Amino acid sequence: MKAMILAAGLGNRMRPLTDHTPKPLLHAGGKPLIEYHLFNLQRAGIRDIIINLAYLGDKIRAYLGNGSNFGVNIHYSTEPEPLETGGAIVHASQQLGPEPFLLVNGDVWCDIELGDFIQHHYKYPDRHGHLLLVPNPDFHPKGDFALATDGTLLDTPNDITLPRFTFAGISLLKPELINHYPHKRQKFPLVEVFRHAISQGQLSGEVYNGRWSDVGTPERLYDLDTYLQHQKAGMVRDR
């Protein structure tokens, strides 16, 4: 299985931190955010990773190289401009190939073991994608999607009887999810595809109650850095 890390965004909400540093290279807990994904993917047995590049992409390429320092093989999908999440997958489709792949937003952090998440996907072999959801954070109280009892993803914003959850930025997708989307174009968001697939009952999901962070603002980056530094200090004390 291959994985793709989305790393081409402009990071506007993180400015001025991203004026000269791409968001995936911002540090939390003593290392860049993207390193956590690489090591988690490596632990899950995934070696071939595609990273899309646009804004300050040369800095990401220079830092990560071919991935050998992280035990993986990194391939880059260079975009003429940020193509949004849907366009990025279309642009990298030949590199991703015909098999299901793991998709990870470069600006999230999660302590889930991706190997476990991949195994859960196989409970739903007829679906075109499996999404990781988390309880709604304070900055996104209404959530994104709901879940049926059989794990089918639902988009029912007006149904107050169903709890809604927030998409965690981690998913396992089949190429046909994008290939069969009738409105794909050079630049478009993946959420369009998700909503189309949900309307046809093609997506499943699961809720993760562990630690997760959408590192979208300097304040959230600071909070994550503080948490990780405390975790690191606790590990040192326990030795």
C-alpha atoms as a PDB file:
ATOM      1  CA  MET A   1       0.000   0.000   0.000  1.00  0.00           C
ATOM      2  CA  LYS A   2       1.116   3.540  -0.771  1.00  0.00           C
ATOM      3  CA  ALA A   3       0.374   6.706   1.156  1.00  0.00           C
ATOM      4  CA  MET A   4       0.037  10.341   0.176  1.00  0.00           C
ATOM      5  CA  ILE A   5       0.758  13.263   2.491  1.00  0.00           C
ATOM      6  CA  LEU A   6      -0.883  16.541   1.522  1.00  0.00           C
ATOM      7  CA  ALA A   7       1.755  19.228   2.007  1.00  0.00           C
ATOM      8  CA  ALA A   8       1.187  21.881  -0.666  1.00  0.00           C
ATOM      9  CA  GLY A   9      -0.954  24.399   1.214  1.00  0.00           C
ATOM     10  CA  LEU A  10      -0.079  28.041   1.696  1.00  0.00           C
ATOM     11  CA  GLY A  11      -0.521  27.970   5.475  1.00  0.00           C
ATOM     12  CA  ASN A  12      -2.186  31.381   5.531  1.00  0.00           C
ATOM     13  CA  ARG A  13      -3.703  30.915   8.988  1.00  0.00           C
ATOM     14  CA  MET A  14      -0.250  30.141  10.396  1.00  0.00           C
ATOM     15  CA  ARG A  15       1.395  33.368   9.305  1.00  0.00           C
ATOM     16  CA  PRO A  16       3.889  34.780  10.091  1.00  0.00           C
ATOM     17  CA  LEU A  17       5.287  31.326  10.978  1.00  0.00           C
ATOM     18  CA  THR A  18       4.797  30.151   7.396  1.00  0.00           C
ATOM     19  CA  ASP A  19       6.208  33.227   5.684  1.00  0.00           C
ATOM     20  CA  HIS A  20       9.472  31.347   5.110  1.00  0.00           C
ATOM     21  CA  THR A  21       8.707  27.827   6.359  1.00  0.00           C
ATOM     22  CA  PRO A  22       6.108  25.455   4.868  1.00  0.00           C
ATOM     23  CA  LYS A  23       3.605  24.310   7.474  1.00  0.00           C
ATOM     24  CA  PRO A  24       4.666  20.627   7.424  1.00  0.00           C
ATOM     25  CA  LEU A  25       8.153  21.692   8.554  1.00  0.00           C
ATOM     26  CA  LEU A  26       6.962  23.668  11.570  1.00  0.00           C
ATOM     27  CA  HIS A  27       8.202  22.081  14.785  1.00  0.00           C
ATOM     28  CA  ALA A  28       6.185  20.567  17.624  1.00  0.00           C
ATOM     29  CA  GLY A  29       7.776  18.492  20.334  1.00  0.00           C
ATOM     30  CA  GLY A  30      11.216  19.085  18.876  1.00  0.00           C
ATOM     31  CA  LYS A  31      10.677  17.921  15.297  1.00  0.00           C
ATOM     32  CA  PRO A  32       8.735  18.897  12.155  1.00  0.00           C
ATOM     33  CA  LEU A  33       5.095  17.893  11.947  1.00  0.00           C
ATOM     34  CA  ILE A  34       5.628  15.816   8.813  1.00  0.00           C
ATOM     35  CA  GLU A  35       8.150  13.563  10.557  1.00  0.00           C
ATOM     36  CA  TYR A  36       5.445  12.194  12.838  1.00  0.00           C
ATOM     37  CA  HIS A  37       3.514  11.034   9.770  1.00  0.00           C
ATOM     38  CA  LEU A  38       6.568   9.448   8.172  1.00  0.00           C
ATOM     39  CA  PHE A  39       7.442   7.396  11.226  1.00  0.00           C
ATOM     40  CA  ASN A  40       3.822   6.400  11.798  1.00  0.00           C
ATOM     41  CA  LEU A  41       3.529   5.255   8.181  1.00  0.00           C
ATOM     42  CA  GLN A  42       6.804   3.364   8.470  1.00  0.00           C
ATOM     43  CA  ARG A  43       5.541   1.565  11.586  1.00  0.00           C
ATOM     44  CA  ALA A  44       2.407   0.613   9.652  1.00  0.00           C
ATOM     45  CA  GLY A  45       4.536  -1.069   7.005  1.00  0.00           C
ATOM     46  CA  ILE A  46       4.063   1.595   4.340  1.00  0.00           C
ATOM     47  CA  ARG A  47       7.282   2.423   2.550  1.00  0.00           C
ATOM     48  CA  ASP A  48       6.212   4.249  -0.632  1.00  0.00           C
ATOM     49  CA  ILE A  49       4.969   7.756   0.126  1.00  0.00           C
ATOM     50  CA  ILE A  50       3.939  10.499  -2.270  1.00  0.00           C
ATOM     51  CA  ILE A  51       4.139  14.077  -1.001  1.00  0.00           C
ATOM     52  CA  ASN A  52       2.578  16.867  -3.039  1.00  0.00           C
ATOM     53  CA  LEU A  53       4.503  20.119  -3.199  1.00  0.00           C
ATOM     54  CA  ALA A  54       3.675  23.693  -4.140  1.00  0.00           C
ATOM     55  CA  TYR A  55       4.259  26.534  -1.655  1.00  0.00           C
ATOM     56  CA  LEU A  56       7.931  26.433  -0.513  1.00  0.00           C
ATOM     57  CA  GLY A  57       8.014  22.861  -1.737  1.00  0.00           C
ATOM     58  CA  ASP A  58      11.768  22.948  -2.391  1.00  0.00           C
ATOM     59  CA  LYS A  59      12.342  23.271   1.355  1.00  0.00           C
ATOM     60  CA  ILE A  60      10.332  20.125   2.040  1.00  0.00           C
ATOM     61  CA  ARG A  61      12.216  18.244  -0.684  1.00  0.00           C
ATOM     62  CA  ALA A  62      15.581  19.459   0.632  1.00  0.00           C
ATOM     63  CA  TYR A  63      14.756  18.410   4.202  1.00  0.00           C
ATOM     64  CA  LEU A  64      13.235  14.984   3.493  1.00  0.00           C
ATOM     65  CA  GLY A  65      15.214  13.950   0.433  1.00  0.00           C
ATOM     66  CA  ASN A  66      14.373  10.483  -0.798  1.00  0.00           C
ATOM     67  CA  GLY A  67      13.124   9.408   2.623  1.00  0.00           C
ATOM     68  CA  SER A  68      15.990   7.034   3.429  1.00  0.00           C
ATOM     69  CA  ASN A  69      16.656   8.780   6.753  1.00  0.00           C
ATOM     70  CA  PHE A  70      13.119   7.864   7.800  1.00  0.00           C
ATOM     71  CA  GLY A  71      13.025   4.297   6.491  1.00  0.00           C
ATOM     72  CA  VAL A  72      10.686   5.107   3.589  1.00  0.00           C
ATOM     73  CA  ASN A  73      10.812   5.921  -0.124  1.00  0.00           C
ATOM     74  CA  ILE A  74       9.515   9.419  -0.845  1.00  0.00           C
ATOM     75  CA  HIS A  75       8.242  10.489  -4.260  1.00  0.00           C
ATOM     76  CA  TYR A  76       7.122  14.039  -4.961  1.00  0.00           C
ATOM     77  CA  SER A  77       4.134  15.335  -6.903  1.00  0.00           C
ATOM     78  CA  THR A  78       4.988  18.920  -7.810  1.00  0.00           C
ATOM     79  CA  GLU A  79       2.020  21.188  -8.521  1.00  0.00           C
ATOM     80  CA  PRO A  80       2.143  24.412 -10.555  1.00  0.00           C
ATOM     81  CA  GLU A  81       0.035  25.962  -7.782  1.00  0.00           C
ATOM     82  CA  PRO A  82      -1.806  24.453  -4.799  1.00  0.00           C
ATOM     83  CA  LEU A  83      -4.512  22.331  -6.456  1.00  0.00           C
ATOM     84  CA  GLU A  84      -6.558  21.755  -3.281  1.00  0.00           C
ATOM     85  CA  THR A  85      -7.055  18.298  -1.870  1.00  0.00           C
ATOM     86  CA  GLY A  86      -9.076  16.797  -4.719  1.00  0.00           C
ATOM     87  CA  GLY A  87      -6.938  18.247  -7.480  1.00  0.00           C
ATOM     88  CA  ALA A  88      -3.806  17.048  -5.697  1.00  0.00           C
ATOM     89  CA  ILE A  89      -4.975  13.431  -5.866  1.00  0.00           C
ATOM     90  CA  VAL A  90      -5.865  13.712  -9.549  1.00  0.00           C
ATOM     91  CA  HIS A  91      -2.453  15.251 -10.259  1.00  0.00           C
ATOM     92  CA  ALA A  92      -0.694  12.382  -8.454  1.00  0.00           C
ATOM     93  CA  SER A  93      -2.955   9.598  -9.728  1.00  0.00           C
ATOM     94  CA  GLN A  94      -0.317   7.865 -11.853  1.00  0.00           C
ATOM     95  CA  GLN A  95       2.106   7.782  -8.929  1.00  0.00           C
ATOM     96  CA  LEU A  96      -0.578   6.453  -6.588  1.00  0.00           C
ATOM     97  CA  GLY A  97      -1.491   3.626  -8.922  1.00  0.00           C
ATOM     98  CA  PRO A  98      -4.586   1.386  -8.991  1.00  0.00           C
ATOM     99  CA  GLU A  99      -4.629   0.133  -5.392  1.00  0.00           C
ATOM    100  CA  PRO A 100      -6.190   1.690  -2.242  1.00  0.00           C
ATOM    101  CA  PHE A 101      -3.946   4.286  -0.609  1.00  0.00           C
ATOM    102  CA  LEU A 102      -3.738   6.077   2.700  1.00  0.00           C
ATOM    103  CA  LEU A 103      -4.255   9.851   2.567  1.00  0.00           C
ATOM    104  CA  VAL A 104      -2.972  12.061   5.378  1.00  0.00           C
ATOM    105  CA  ASN A 105      -3.271  15.834   5.767  1.00  0.00           C
ATOM    106  CA  GLY A 106       0.159  17.237   6.487  1.00  0.00           C
ATOM    107  CA  ASP A 107      -1.214  19.710   9.034  1.00  0.00           C
ATOM    108  CA  VAL A 108      -2.801  17.257  11.474  1.00  0.00           C
ATOM    109  CA  TRP A 109      -1.231  15.299  14.322  1.00  0.00           C
ATOM    110  CA  CYS A 110      -2.718  12.125  15.764  1.00  0.00           C
ATOM    111  CA  ASP A 111      -1.434   9.401  18.059  1.00  0.00           C
ATOM    112  CA  ILE A 112      -3.412   6.647  16.308  1.00  0.00           C
ATOM    113  CA  GLU A 113      -1.408   3.721  14.987  1.00  0.00           C
ATOM    114  CA  LEU A 114      -2.088   3.862  11.270  1.00  0.00           C
ATOM    115  CA  GLY A 115      -1.636   0.106  10.983  1.00  0.00           C
ATOM    116  CA  ASP A 116      -4.709  -0.368  13.171  1.00  0.00           C
ATOM    117  CA  PHE A 117      -6.703   2.098  11.087  1.00  0.00           C
ATOM    118  CA  ILE A 118      -5.778   0.258   7.890  1.00  0.00           C
ATOM    119  CA  GLN A 119      -7.001  -3.039   9.336  1.00  0.00           C
ATOM    120  CA  HIS A 120     -10.356  -1.494  10.250  1.00  0.00           C
ATOM    121  CA  HIS A 121     -10.854  -0.516   6.625  1.00  0.00           C
ATOM    122  CA  TYR A 122     -11.078  -4.158   5.611  1.00  0.00           C
ATOM    123  CA  LYS A 123     -14.358  -4.475   7.506  1.00  0.00           C
ATOM    124  CA  TYR A 124     -15.943  -2.503   4.641  1.00  0.00           C
ATOM    125  CA  PRO A 125     -14.576  -4.072   1.420  1.00  0.00           C
ATOM    126  CA  ASP A 126     -17.408  -2.759  -0.756  1.00  0.00           C
ATOM    127  CA  ARG A 127     -16.884   0.914   0.153  1.00  0.00           C
ATOM    128  CA  HIS A 128     -14.763   3.348  -1.840  1.00  0.00           C
ATOM    129  CA  GLY A 129     -13.240   4.955   1.232  1.00  0.00           C
ATOM    130  CA  HIS A 130     -12.911   4.793   5.008  1.00  0.00           C
ATOM    131  CA  LEU A 131     -12.534   8.013   7.032  1.00  0.00           C
ATOM    132  CA  LEU A 132     -11.166   8.644  10.493  1.00  0.00           C
ATOM    133  CA  LEU A 133     -13.445  10.874  12.568  1.00  0.00           C
ATOM    134  CA  VAL A 134     -12.850  12.523  15.941  1.00  0.00           C
ATOM    135  CA  PRO A 135     -15.085  14.227  18.516  1.00  0.00           C
ATOM    136  CA  ASN A 136     -15.737  17.822  17.520  1.00  0.00           C
ATOM    137  CA  PRO A 137     -13.107  20.282  18.739  1.00  0.00           C
ATOM    138  CA  ASP A 138     -14.099  23.672  20.138  1.00  0.00           C
ATOM    139  CA  PHE A 139     -13.294  25.438  16.868  1.00  0.00           C
ATOM    140  CA  HIS A 140     -15.567  23.103  14.861  1.00  0.00           C
ATOM    141  CA  PRO A 141     -18.527  22.329  17.134  1.00  0.00           C
ATOM    142  CA  LYS A 142     -20.993  21.245  14.413  1.00  0.00           C
ATOM    143  CA  GLY A 143     -18.722  18.572  12.957  1.00  0.00           C
ATOM    144  CA  ASP A 144     -18.690  17.232   9.400  1.00  0.00           C
ATOM    145  CA  PHE A 145     -20.412  13.862   9.175  1.00  0.00           C
ATOM    146  CA  ALA A 146     -22.514  11.365  11.116  1.00  0.00           C
ATOM    147  CA  LEU A 147     -22.286   7.584  11.290  1.00  0.00           C
ATOM    148  CA  ALA A 148     -24.942   4.932  10.802  1.00  0.00           C
ATOM    149  CA  THR A 149     -24.873   1.915  13.100  1.00  0.00           C
ATOM    150  CA  ASP A 150     -23.232  -0.181  10.376  1.00  0.00           C
ATOM    151  CA  GLY A 151     -20.381   2.308   9.947  1.00  0.00           C
ATOM    152  CA  THR A 152     -21.773   3.999   6.835  1.00  0.00           C
ATOM    153  CA  LEU A 153     -20.915   7.682   6.660  1.00  0.00           C
ATOM    154  CA  LEU A 154     -23.877  10.084   6.586  1.00  0.00           C
ATOM    155  CA  ASP A 155     -24.153  13.759   5.692  1.00  0.00           C
ATOM    156  CA  THR A 156     -27.287  14.843   7.555  1.00  0.00           C
ATOM    157  CA  PRO A 157     -26.662  18.329   8.984  1.00  0.00           C
ATOM    158  CA  ASN A 158     -30.343  18.901   9.771  1.00  0.00           C
ATOM    159  CA  ASP A 159     -30.887  15.644  11.660  1.00  0.00           C
ATOM    160  CA  ILE A 160     -30.287  16.594  15.292  1.00  0.00           C
ATOM    161  CA  THR A 161     -30.874  13.014  16.461  1.00  0.00           C
ATOM    162  CA  LEU A 162     -27.559  11.842  15.006  1.00  0.00           C
ATOM    163  CA  PRO A 163     -24.280  12.989  16.593  1.00  0.00           C
ATOM    164  CA  ARG A 164     -21.846  14.475  14.118  1.00  0.00           C
ATOM    165  CA  PHE A 165     -18.082  14.153  14.167  1.00  0.00           C
ATOM    166  CA  THR A 166     -15.138  15.969  12.623  1.00  0.00           C
ATOM    167  CA  PHE A 167     -13.082  14.508   9.780  1.00  0.00           C
ATOM    168  CA  ALA A 168      -9.580  13.956  11.139  1.00  0.00           C
ATOM    169  CA  GLY A 169      -7.730  14.440   7.843  1.00  0.00           C
ATOM    170  CA  ILE A 170      -6.805  10.741   7.649  1.00  0.00           C
ATOM    171  CA  SER A 171      -8.521   8.359   5.242  1.00  0.00           C
ATOM    172  CA  LEU A 172      -8.030   5.203   3.215  1.00  0.00           C
ATOM    173  CA  LEU A 173      -9.325   5.642  -0.325  1.00  0.00           C
ATOM    174  CA  LYS A 174      -9.785   3.583  -3.445  1.00  0.00           C
ATOM    175  CA  PRO A 175      -8.809   5.320  -6.718  1.00  0.00           C
ATOM    176  CA  GLU A 176     -12.326   4.828  -8.083  1.00  0.00           C
ATOM    177  CA  LEU A 177     -13.588   7.299  -5.484  1.00  0.00           C
ATOM    178  CA  ILE A 178     -11.929  10.066  -7.499  1.00  0.00           C
ATOM    179  CA  ASN A 179     -12.078   8.379 -10.901  1.00  0.00           C
ATOM    180  CA  HIS A 180     -15.869   8.051 -10.747  1.00  0.00           C
ATOM    181  CA  TYR A 181     -16.477  11.567  -9.463  1.00  0.00           C
ATOM    182  CA  PRO A 182     -18.322  13.349 -12.296  1.00  0.00           C
ATOM    183  CA  HIS A 183     -17.128  16.860 -11.457  1.00  0.00           C
ATOM    184  CA  LYS A 184     -13.377  16.362 -11.087  1.00  0.00           C
ATOM    185  CA  ARG A 185     -11.229  19.106 -12.542  1.00  0.00           C
ATOM    186  CA  GLN A 186      -7.733  20.502 -12.116  1.00  0.00           C
ATOM    187  CA  LYS A 187      -8.407  22.248  -8.806  1.00  0.00           C
ATOM    188  CA  PHE A 188     -11.149  21.246  -6.347  1.00  0.00           C
ATOM    189  CA  PRO A 189     -11.603  20.186  -2.705  1.00  0.00           C
ATOM    190  CA  LEU A 190     -11.883  16.538  -1.698  1.00  0.00           C
ATOM    191  CA  VAL A 191     -14.913  17.235   0.483  1.00  0.00           C
ATOM    192  CA  GLU A 192     -16.945  17.560  -2.746  1.00  0.00           C
ATOM    193  CA  VAL A 193     -16.035  13.982  -3.593  1.00  0.00           C
ATOM    194  CA  PHE A 194     -16.815  12.792  -0.078  1.00  0.00           C
ATOM    195  CA  ARG A 195     -20.294  14.301  -0.150  1.00  0.00           C
ATOM    196  CA  HIS A 196     -21.012  12.805  -3.557  1.00  0.00           C
ATOM    197  CA  ALA A 197     -19.839   9.369  -2.400  1.00  0.00           C
ATOM    198  CA  ILE A 198     -21.803   9.621   0.859  1.00  0.00           C
ATOM    199  CA  SER A 199     -24.978  10.301  -1.124  1.00  0.00           C
ATOM    200  CA  GLN A 200     -24.421   6.929  -2.771  1.00  0.00           C
ATOM    201  CA  GLY A 201     -23.529   5.060   0.418  1.00  0.00           C
ATOM    202  CA  GLN A 202     -19.927   4.534  -0.688  1.00  0.00           C
ATOM    203  CA  LEU A 203     -18.020   5.721   2.407  1.00  0.00           C
ATOM    204  CA  SER A 204     -17.537   4.216   5.849  1.00  0.00           C
ATOM    205  CA  GLY A 205     -15.956   5.720   8.941  1.00  0.00           C
ATOM    206  CA  GLU A 206     -14.898   5.217  12.523  1.00  0.00           C
ATOM    207  CA  VAL A 207     -14.498   7.509  15.520  1.00  0.00           C
ATOM    208  CA  TYR A 208     -11.144   7.795  17.275  1.00  0.00           C
ATOM    209  CA  ASN A 209     -11.125   9.108  20.834  1.00  0.00           C
ATOM    210  CA  GLY A 210      -7.382   9.431  21.294  1.00  0.00           C
ATOM    211  CA  ARG A 211      -5.246  12.524  20.931  1.00  0.00           C
ATOM    212  CA  TRP A 212      -5.691  14.534  17.732  1.00  0.00           C
ATOM    213  CA  SER A 213      -4.880  18.073  16.668  1.00  0.00           C
ATOM    214  CA  ASP A 214      -5.640  20.145  13.594  1.00  0.00           C
ATOM    215  CA  VAL A 215      -2.534  22.331  13.633  1.00  0.00           C
ATOM    216  CA  GLY A 216      -4.180  25.188  11.783  1.00  0.00           C
ATOM    217  CA  THR A 217      -3.172  28.223  13.851  1.00  0.00           C
ATOM    218  CA  PRO A 218      -0.108  29.312  15.844  1.00  0.00           C
ATOM    219  CA  GLU A 219      -2.123  28.826  19.034  1.00  0.00           C
ATOM    220  CA  ARG A 220      -2.902  25.188  18.195  1.00  0.00           C
ATOM    221  CA  LEU A 221       0.731  24.598  17.245  1.00  0.00           C
ATOM    222  CA  TYR A 222       1.771  25.976  20.635  1.00  0.00           C
ATOM    223  CA  ASP A 223      -0.730  23.732  22.427  1.00  0.00           C
ATOM    224  CA  LEU A 224       0.525  20.654  20.565  1.00  0.00           C
ATOM    225  CA  ASP A 225       4.147  21.565  21.226  1.00  0.00           C
ATOM    226  CA  THR A 226       3.407  21.979  24.945  1.00  0.00           C
ATOM    227  CA  TYR A 227       1.649  18.586  25.072  1.00  0.00           C
ATOM    228  CA  LEU A 228       4.460  16.791  23.253  1.00  0.00           C
ATOM    229  CA  GLN A 229       7.157  18.418  25.369  1.00  0.00           C
ATOM    230  CA  HIS A 230       5.331  17.275  28.508  1.00  0.00           C
ATOM    231  CA  GLN A 231       5.052  13.764  27.084  1.00  0.00           C
ATOM    232  CA  LYS A 232       8.758  13.743  26.309  1.00  0.00           C
ATOM    233  CA  ALA A 233       9.628  14.984  29.787  1.00  0.00           C
ATOM    234  CA  GLY A 234       7.438  12.269  31.323  1.00  0.00           C
ATOM    235  CA  MET A 235       9.215   9.561  29.310  1.00  0.00           C
ATOM    236  CA  VAL A 236      12.602  10.832  30.509  1.00  0.00           C
ATOM    237  CA  ARG A 237      11.440  10.751  34.149  1.00  0.00           C
ATOM    238  CA  ASP A 238      10.161   7.196  33.757  1.00  0.00           C
ATOM    239  CA  ARG A 239      13.488   5.825  32.554  1.00  0.00           C
END
